[in-house]
PDB file of all heavy atoms in Angstrom:
ATOM      1  N   ILE A   1     -18.407  23.627  -1.682  1.00  0.00           N
ATOM      2  CA  ILE A   1     -17.516  24.459  -0.878  1.00  0.00           C
ATOM      3  C   ILE A   1     -17.794  25.946  -1.237  1.00  0.00           C
ATOM      4  O   ILE A   1     -18.532  26.281  -2.145  1.00  0.00           O
ATOM      5  CB  ILE A   1     -16.016  24.154  -1.148  1.00  0.00           C
ATOM      6  CG1 ILE A   1     -15.675  24.375  -2.609  1.00  0.00           C
ATOM      7  CG2 ILE A   1     -15.707  22.724  -0.742  1.00  0.00           C
ATOM      8  CD1 ILE A   1     -14.228  24.164  -2.937  1.00  0.00           C
ATOM      9  N   GLY A   2     -17.168  26.847  -0.475  1.00  0.00           N
ATOM     10  CA  GLY A   2     -17.366  28.257  -0.700  1.00  0.00           C
ATOM     11  C   GLY A   2     -16.406  29.089   0.132  1.00  0.00           C
ATOM     12  O   GLY A   2     -15.521  28.546   0.819  1.00  0.00           O
ATOM     13  N   GLU A   3     -16.568  30.402   0.082  1.00  0.00           N
ATOM     14  CA  GLU A   3     -15.643  31.314   0.779  1.00  0.00           C
ATOM     15  C   GLU A   3     -16.451  32.211   1.719  1.00  0.00           C
ATOM     16  O   GLU A   3     -17.545  32.648   1.375  1.00  0.00           O
ATOM     17  CB  GLU A   3     -14.890  32.170  -0.209  1.00  0.00           C
ATOM     18  CG  GLU A   3     -14.008  31.374  -1.166  1.00  0.00           C
ATOM     19  CD  GLU A   3     -13.311  32.238  -2.163  1.00  0.00           C
ATOM     20  OE1 GLU A   3     -13.898  33.308  -2.545  1.00  0.00           O
ATOM     21  OE2 GLU A   3     -12.231  31.861  -2.671  1.00  0.00           O
ATOM     22  N   ILE A   4     -15.867  32.506   2.861  1.00  0.00           N
ATOM     23  CA  ILE A   4     -16.467  33.416   3.837  1.00  0.00           C
ATOM     24  C   ILE A   4     -15.454  34.511   4.106  1.00  0.00           C
ATOM     25  O   ILE A   4     -14.303  34.229   4.414  1.00  0.00           O
ATOM     26  CB  ILE A   4     -16.841  32.708   5.156  1.00  0.00           C
ATOM     27  CG1 ILE A   4     -17.949  31.643   4.893  1.00  0.00           C
ATOM     28  CG2 ILE A   4     -17.313  33.699   6.192  1.00  0.00           C
ATOM     29  CD1 ILE A   4     -18.314  30.870   6.108  1.00  0.00           C
ATOM     30  N   PHE A   5     -15.905  35.771   4.002  1.00  0.00           N
ATOM     31  CA  PHE A   5     -15.051  36.917   4.288  1.00  0.00           C
ATOM     32  C   PHE A   5     -15.581  37.597   5.576  1.00  0.00           C
ATOM     33  O   PHE A   5     -16.741  37.997   5.633  1.00  0.00           O
ATOM     34  CB  PHE A   5     -15.051  37.889   3.164  1.00  0.00           C
ATOM     35  CG  PHE A   5     -14.420  37.315   1.885  1.00  0.00           C
ATOM     36  CD1 PHE A   5     -15.215  36.694   0.928  1.00  0.00           C
ATOM     37  CD2 PHE A   5     -13.065  37.404   1.647  1.00  0.00           C
ATOM     38  CE1 PHE A   5     -14.653  36.173  -0.225  1.00  0.00           C
ATOM     39  CE2 PHE A   5     -12.510  36.876   0.531  1.00  0.00           C
ATOM     40  CZ  PHE A   5     -13.300  36.258  -0.429  1.00  0.00           C
ATOM     41  N   ILE A   6     -14.704  37.726   6.533  1.00  0.00           N
ATOM     42  CA  ILE A   6     -15.053  38.372   7.816  1.00  0.00           C
ATOM     43  C   ILE A   6     -14.566  39.777   7.799  1.00  0.00           C
ATOM     44  O   ILE A   6     -13.372  40.040   7.703  1.00  0.00           O
ATOM     45  CB  ILE A   6     -14.383  37.613   9.000  1.00  0.00           C
ATOM     46  CG1 ILE A   6     -14.665  36.094   8.903  1.00  0.00           C
ATOM     47  CG2 ILE A   6     -14.948  38.181  10.321  1.00  0.00           C
ATOM     48  CD1 ILE A   6     -16.101  35.667   8.981  1.00  0.00           C
ATOM     49  N   VAL A   7     -15.495  40.745   7.844  1.00  0.00           N
ATOM     50  CA  VAL A   7     -15.169  42.195   7.879  1.00  0.00           C
ATOM     51  C   VAL A   7     -15.287  42.676   9.287  1.00  0.00           C
ATOM     52  O   VAL A   7     -16.296  42.426   9.963  1.00  0.00           O
ATOM     53  CB  VAL A   7     -16.093  42.962   6.961  1.00  0.00           C
ATOM     54  CG1 VAL A   7     -15.706  44.425   6.928  1.00  0.00           C
ATOM     55  CG2 VAL A   7     -16.083  42.393   5.531  1.00  0.00           C
ATOM     56  N   SER A   8     -14.248  43.350   9.767  1.00  0.00           N
ATOM     57  CA  SER A   8     -14.219  43.774  11.199  1.00  0.00           C
ATOM     58  C   SER A   8     -13.625  45.165  11.295  1.00  0.00           C
ATOM     59  O   SER A   8     -13.138  45.754  10.324  1.00  0.00           O
ATOM     60  CB  SER A   8     -13.396  42.800  12.049  1.00  0.00           C
ATOM     61  OG  SER A   8     -12.021  42.977  11.802  1.00  0.00           O
ATOM     62  N   THR A   9     -13.644  45.698  12.507  1.00  0.00           N
ATOM     63  CA  THR A   9     -13.031  46.965  12.811  1.00  0.00           C
ATOM     64  C   THR A   9     -11.561  46.822  13.255  1.00  0.00           C
ATOM     65  O   THR A   9     -10.947  47.800  13.666  1.00  0.00           O
ATOM     66  CB  THR A   9     -13.821  47.649  13.951  1.00  0.00           C
ATOM     67  OG1 THR A   9     -13.842  46.807  15.092  1.00  0.00           O
ATOM     68  CG2 THR A   9     -15.238  47.965  13.488  1.00  0.00           C
ATOM     69  N   ASP A  10     -11.055  45.606  13.184  1.00  0.00           N
ATOM     70  CA  ASP A  10      -9.644  45.352  13.575  1.00  0.00           C
ATOM     71  C   ASP A  10      -8.739  46.131  12.623  1.00  0.00           C
ATOM     72  O   ASP A  10      -8.849  45.977  11.395  1.00  0.00           O
ATOM     73  CB  ASP A  10      -9.375  43.860  13.510  1.00  0.00           C
ATOM     74  CG  ASP A  10      -8.049  43.500  14.180  1.00  0.00           C
ATOM     75  OD1 ASP A  10      -7.007  43.998  13.728  1.00  0.00           O
ATOM     76  OD2 ASP A  10      -8.062  42.704  15.146  1.00  0.00           O
ATOM     77  N   LYS A  11      -7.794  46.910  13.173  1.00  0.00           N
ATOM     78  CA  LYS A  11      -6.909  47.702  12.328  1.00  0.00           C
ATOM     79  C   LYS A  11      -5.811  46.871  11.713  1.00  0.00           C
ATOM     80  O   LYS A  11      -5.298  47.166  10.613  1.00  0.00           O
ATOM     81  CB  LYS A  11      -6.272  48.822  13.151  1.00  0.00           C
ATOM     82  CG  LYS A  11      -7.296  49.824  13.676  1.00  0.00           C
ATOM     83  CD  LYS A  11      -6.631  50.957  14.454  1.00  0.00           C
ATOM     84  CE  LYS A  11      -7.641  51.951  14.948  1.00  0.00           C
ATOM     85  NZ  LYS A  11      -7.007  53.056  15.722  1.00  0.00           N
ATOM     86  N   VAL A  12      -5.400  45.790  12.348  1.00  0.00           N
ATOM     87  CA  VAL A  12      -4.346  44.908  11.819  1.00  0.00           C
ATOM     88  C   VAL A  12      -4.856  43.999  10.759  1.00  0.00           C
ATOM     89  O   VAL A  12      -4.272  43.834   9.674  1.00  0.00           O
ATOM     90  CB  VAL A  12      -3.688  44.091  12.967  1.00  0.00           C
ATOM     91  CG1 VAL A  12      -2.615  43.152  12.399  1.00  0.00           C
ATOM     92  CG2 VAL A  12      -3.061  45.022  13.995  1.00  0.00           C
ATOM     93  N   ALA A  13      -6.016  43.331  11.013  1.00  0.00           N
ATOM     94  CA  ALA A  13      -6.601  42.393  10.043  1.00  0.00           C
ATOM     95  C   ALA A  13      -8.074  42.753   9.889  1.00  0.00           C
ATOM     96  O   ALA A  13      -8.939  42.106  10.419  1.00  0.00           O
ATOM     97  CB  ALA A  13      -6.429  40.965  10.532  1.00  0.00           C
ATOM     98  N   PRO A  14      -8.365  43.818   9.103  1.00  0.00           N
ATOM     99  CA  PRO A  14      -9.771  44.245   8.978  1.00  0.00           C
ATOM    100  C   PRO A  14     -10.642  43.256   8.183  1.00  0.00           C
ATOM    101  O   PRO A  14     -11.850  43.316   8.259  1.00  0.00           O
ATOM    102  CB  PRO A  14      -9.670  45.597   8.211  1.00  0.00           C
ATOM    103  CG  PRO A  14      -8.366  45.502   7.499  1.00  0.00           C
ATOM    104  CD  PRO A  14      -7.473  44.696   8.378  1.00  0.00           C
ATOM    105  N   LYS A  15      -9.985  42.375   7.427  1.00  0.00           N
ATOM    106  CA  LYS A  15     -10.737  41.412   6.651  1.00  0.00           C
ATOM    107  C   LYS A  15      -9.995  40.081   6.555  1.00  0.00           C
ATOM    108  O   LYS A  15      -8.847  40.045   6.117  1.00  0.00           O
ATOM    109  CB  LYS A  15     -10.984  41.940   5.242  1.00  0.00           C
ATOM    110  CG  LYS A  15     -12.012  41.181   4.419  1.00  0.00           C
ATOM    111  CD  LYS A  15     -12.381  41.889   3.122  1.00  0.00           C
ATOM    112  CE  LYS A  15     -13.492  41.172   2.381  1.00  0.00           C
ATOM    113  NZ  LYS A  15     -13.891  41.894   1.165  1.00  0.00           N
ATOM    114  N   LEU A  16     -10.632  38.994   6.977  1.00  0.00           N
ATOM    115  CA  LEU A  16     -10.092  37.673   6.892  1.00  0.00           C
ATOM    116  C   LEU A  16     -10.953  36.857   5.946  1.00  0.00           C
ATOM    117  O   LEU A  16     -12.150  37.035   5.877  1.00  0.00           O
ATOM    118  CB  LEU A  16      -9.999  37.019   8.265  1.00  0.00           C
ATOM    119  CG  LEU A  16      -8.928  37.494   9.244  1.00  0.00           C
ATOM    120  CD1 LEU A  16      -8.936  36.639  10.485  1.00  0.00           C
ATOM    121  CD2 LEU A  16      -7.582  37.518   8.617  1.00  0.00           C
ATOM    122  N   ALA A  17     -10.288  35.920   5.251  1.00  0.00           N
ATOM    123  CA  ALA A  17     -11.009  35.074   4.296  1.00  0.00           C
ATOM    124  C   ALA A  17     -10.778  33.622   4.669  1.00  0.00           C
ATOM    125  O   ALA A  17      -9.673  33.179   4.944  1.00  0.00           O
ATOM    126  CB  ALA A  17     -10.507  35.358   2.898  1.00  0.00           C
ATOM    127  N   LEU A  18     -11.899  32.884   4.675  1.00  0.00           N
ATOM    128  CA  LEU A  18     -11.870  31.419   4.849  1.00  0.00           C
ATOM    129  C   LEU A  18     -12.174  30.797   3.488  1.00  0.00           C
ATOM    130  O   LEU A  18     -13.370  30.868   3.073  1.00  0.00           O
ATOM    131  CB  LEU A  18     -12.866  30.970   5.922  1.00  0.00           C
ATOM    132  CG  LEU A  18     -12.454  31.084   7.409  1.00  0.00           C
ATOM    133  CD1 LEU A  18     -12.209  32.550   7.762  1.00  0.00           C
ATOM    134  CD2 LEU A  18     -13.488  30.488   8.328  1.00  0.00           C
ATOM    135  N   HIS A  19     -11.196  30.229   2.827  1.00  0.00           N
ATOM    136  CA  HIS A  19     -11.377  29.761   1.451  1.00  0.00           C
ATOM    137  C   HIS A  19     -11.686  28.265   1.425  1.00  0.00           C
ATOM    138  O   HIS A  19     -11.145  27.490   2.235  1.00  0.00           O
ATOM    139  CB  HIS A  19     -10.100  30.039   0.649  1.00  0.00           C
ATOM    140  CG  HIS A  19      -9.736  31.459   0.472  1.00  0.00           C
ATOM    141  ND1 HIS A  19     -10.451  32.272  -0.370  1.00  0.00           N
ATOM    142  CD2 HIS A  19      -8.780  32.201   1.059  1.00  0.00           C
ATOM    143  CE1 HIS A  19      -9.903  33.501  -0.313  1.00  0.00           C
ATOM    144  NE2 HIS A  19      -8.900  33.478   0.534  1.00  0.00           N
ATOM    145  N   GLY A  20     -12.535  27.895   0.500  1.00  0.00           N
ATOM    146  CA  GLY A  20     -12.742  26.499   0.202  1.00  0.00           C
ATOM    147  C   GLY A  20     -13.219  25.659   1.366  1.00  0.00           C
ATOM    148  O   GLY A  20     -12.734  24.534   1.550  1.00  0.00           O
ATOM    149  N   ILE A  21     -14.170  26.152   2.159  1.00  0.00           N
ATOM    150  CA  ILE A  21     -14.638  25.401   3.303  1.00  0.00           C
ATOM    151  C   ILE A  21     -15.948  24.700   2.954  1.00  0.00           C
ATOM    152  O   ILE A  21     -16.776  25.233   2.188  1.00  0.00           O
ATOM    153  CB  ILE A  21     -14.837  26.293   4.563  1.00  0.00           C
ATOM    154  CG1 ILE A  21     -15.823  27.420   4.280  1.00  0.00           C
ATOM    155  CG2 ILE A  21     -13.510  26.859   5.012  1.00  0.00           C
ATOM    156  CD1 ILE A  21     -16.144  28.251   5.491  1.00  0.00           C
ATOM    157  N   HIS A  22     -16.146  23.530   3.498  1.00  0.00           N
ATOM    158  CA  HIS A  22     -17.346  22.756   3.248  1.00  0.00           C
ATOM    159  C   HIS A  22     -18.533  23.357   4.044  1.00  0.00           C
ATOM    160  O   HIS A  22     -18.385  23.890   5.139  1.00  0.00           O
ATOM    161  CB  HIS A  22     -17.164  21.305   3.670  1.00  0.00           C
ATOM    162  CG  HIS A  22     -16.251  20.550   2.759  1.00  0.00           C
ATOM    163  ND1 HIS A  22     -16.643  20.082   1.514  1.00  0.00           N
ATOM    164  CD2 HIS A  22     -14.943  20.169   2.894  1.00  0.00           C
ATOM    165  CE1 HIS A  22     -15.633  19.455   0.935  1.00  0.00           C
ATOM    166  NE2 HIS A  22     -14.609  19.479   1.752  1.00  0.00           N
ATOM    167  N   ASP A  23     -19.714  23.288   3.420  1.00  0.00           N
ATOM    168  CA  ASP A  23     -20.932  23.834   4.010  1.00  0.00           C
ATOM    169  C   ASP A  23     -20.727  25.271   4.510  1.00  0.00           C
ATOM    170  O   ASP A  23     -20.924  25.544   5.666  1.00  0.00           O
ATOM    171  CB  ASP A  23     -21.396  22.933   5.173  1.00  0.00           C
ATOM    172  CG  ASP A  23     -22.883  23.048   5.417  1.00  0.00           C
ATOM    173  OD1 ASP A  23     -23.526  23.885   4.798  1.00  0.00           O
ATOM    174  OD2 ASP A  23     -23.400  22.297   6.273  1.00  0.00           O
ATOM    175  N   PRO A  24     -20.351  26.189   3.612  1.00  0.00           N
ATOM    176  CA  PRO A  24     -19.986  27.538   4.016  1.00  0.00           C
ATOM    177  C   PRO A  24     -21.173  28.301   4.624  1.00  0.00           C
ATOM    178  O   PRO A  24     -20.945  29.151   5.517  1.00  0.00           O
ATOM    179  CB  PRO A  24     -19.515  28.197   2.723  1.00  0.00           C
ATOM    180  CG  PRO A  24     -20.162  27.385   1.629  1.00  0.00           C
ATOM    181  CD  PRO A  24     -20.260  25.998   2.138  1.00  0.00           C
ATOM    182  N   LEU A  25     -22.401  28.083   4.153  1.00  0.00           N
ATOM    183  CA  LEU A  25     -23.539  28.815   4.718  1.00  0.00           C
ATOM    184  C   LEU A  25     -23.714  28.457   6.200  1.00  0.00           C
ATOM    185  O   LEU A  25     -24.054  29.345   7.012  1.00  0.00           O
ATOM    186  CB  LEU A  25     -24.811  28.475   3.956  1.00  0.00           C
ATOM    187  CG  LEU A  25     -25.007  29.287   2.649  1.00  0.00           C
ATOM    188  CD1 LEU A  25     -26.267  28.820   1.939  1.00  0.00           C
ATOM    189  CD2 LEU A  25     -25.099  30.786   2.959  1.00  0.00           C
ATOM    190  N   LYS A  26     -23.524  27.192   6.517  1.00  0.00           N
ATOM    191  CA  LYS A  26     -23.672  26.790   7.933  1.00  0.00           C
ATOM    192  C   LYS A  26     -22.616  27.446   8.787  1.00  0.00           C
ATOM    193  O   LYS A  26     -22.897  27.901   9.893  1.00  0.00           O
ATOM    194  CB  LYS A  26     -23.540  25.235   7.987  1.00  0.00           C
ATOM    195  CG  LYS A  26     -23.636  24.699   9.450  1.00  0.00           C
ATOM    196  CD  LYS A  26     -23.509  23.209   9.426  1.00  0.00           C
ATOM    197  CE  LYS A  26     -23.553  22.648  10.892  1.00  0.00           C
ATOM    198  NZ  LYS A  26     -23.379  21.174  10.899  1.00  0.00           N
ATOM    199  N   ILE A  27     -21.369  27.498   8.321  1.00  0.00           N
ATOM    200  CA  ILE A  27     -20.324  28.113   9.095  1.00  0.00           C
ATOM    201  C   ILE A  27     -20.569  29.634   9.191  1.00  0.00           C
ATOM    202  O   ILE A  27     -20.335  30.265  10.242  1.00  0.00           O
ATOM    203  CB  ILE A  27     -18.940  27.870   8.436  1.00  0.00           C
ATOM    204  CG1 ILE A  27     -18.711  26.358   8.270  1.00  0.00           C
ATOM    205  CG2 ILE A  27     -17.815  28.464   9.256  1.00  0.00           C
ATOM    206  CD1 ILE A  27     -18.872  25.587   9.558  1.00  0.00           C
TER     207      ILE A  27
END
């Protein structure tokens, strides 16, 4: 498992985290 952090220009949610997902590189 692993974590993916999505960095964006969104002012409300500039960074979202997907924790503990299987096959994180594929996602």
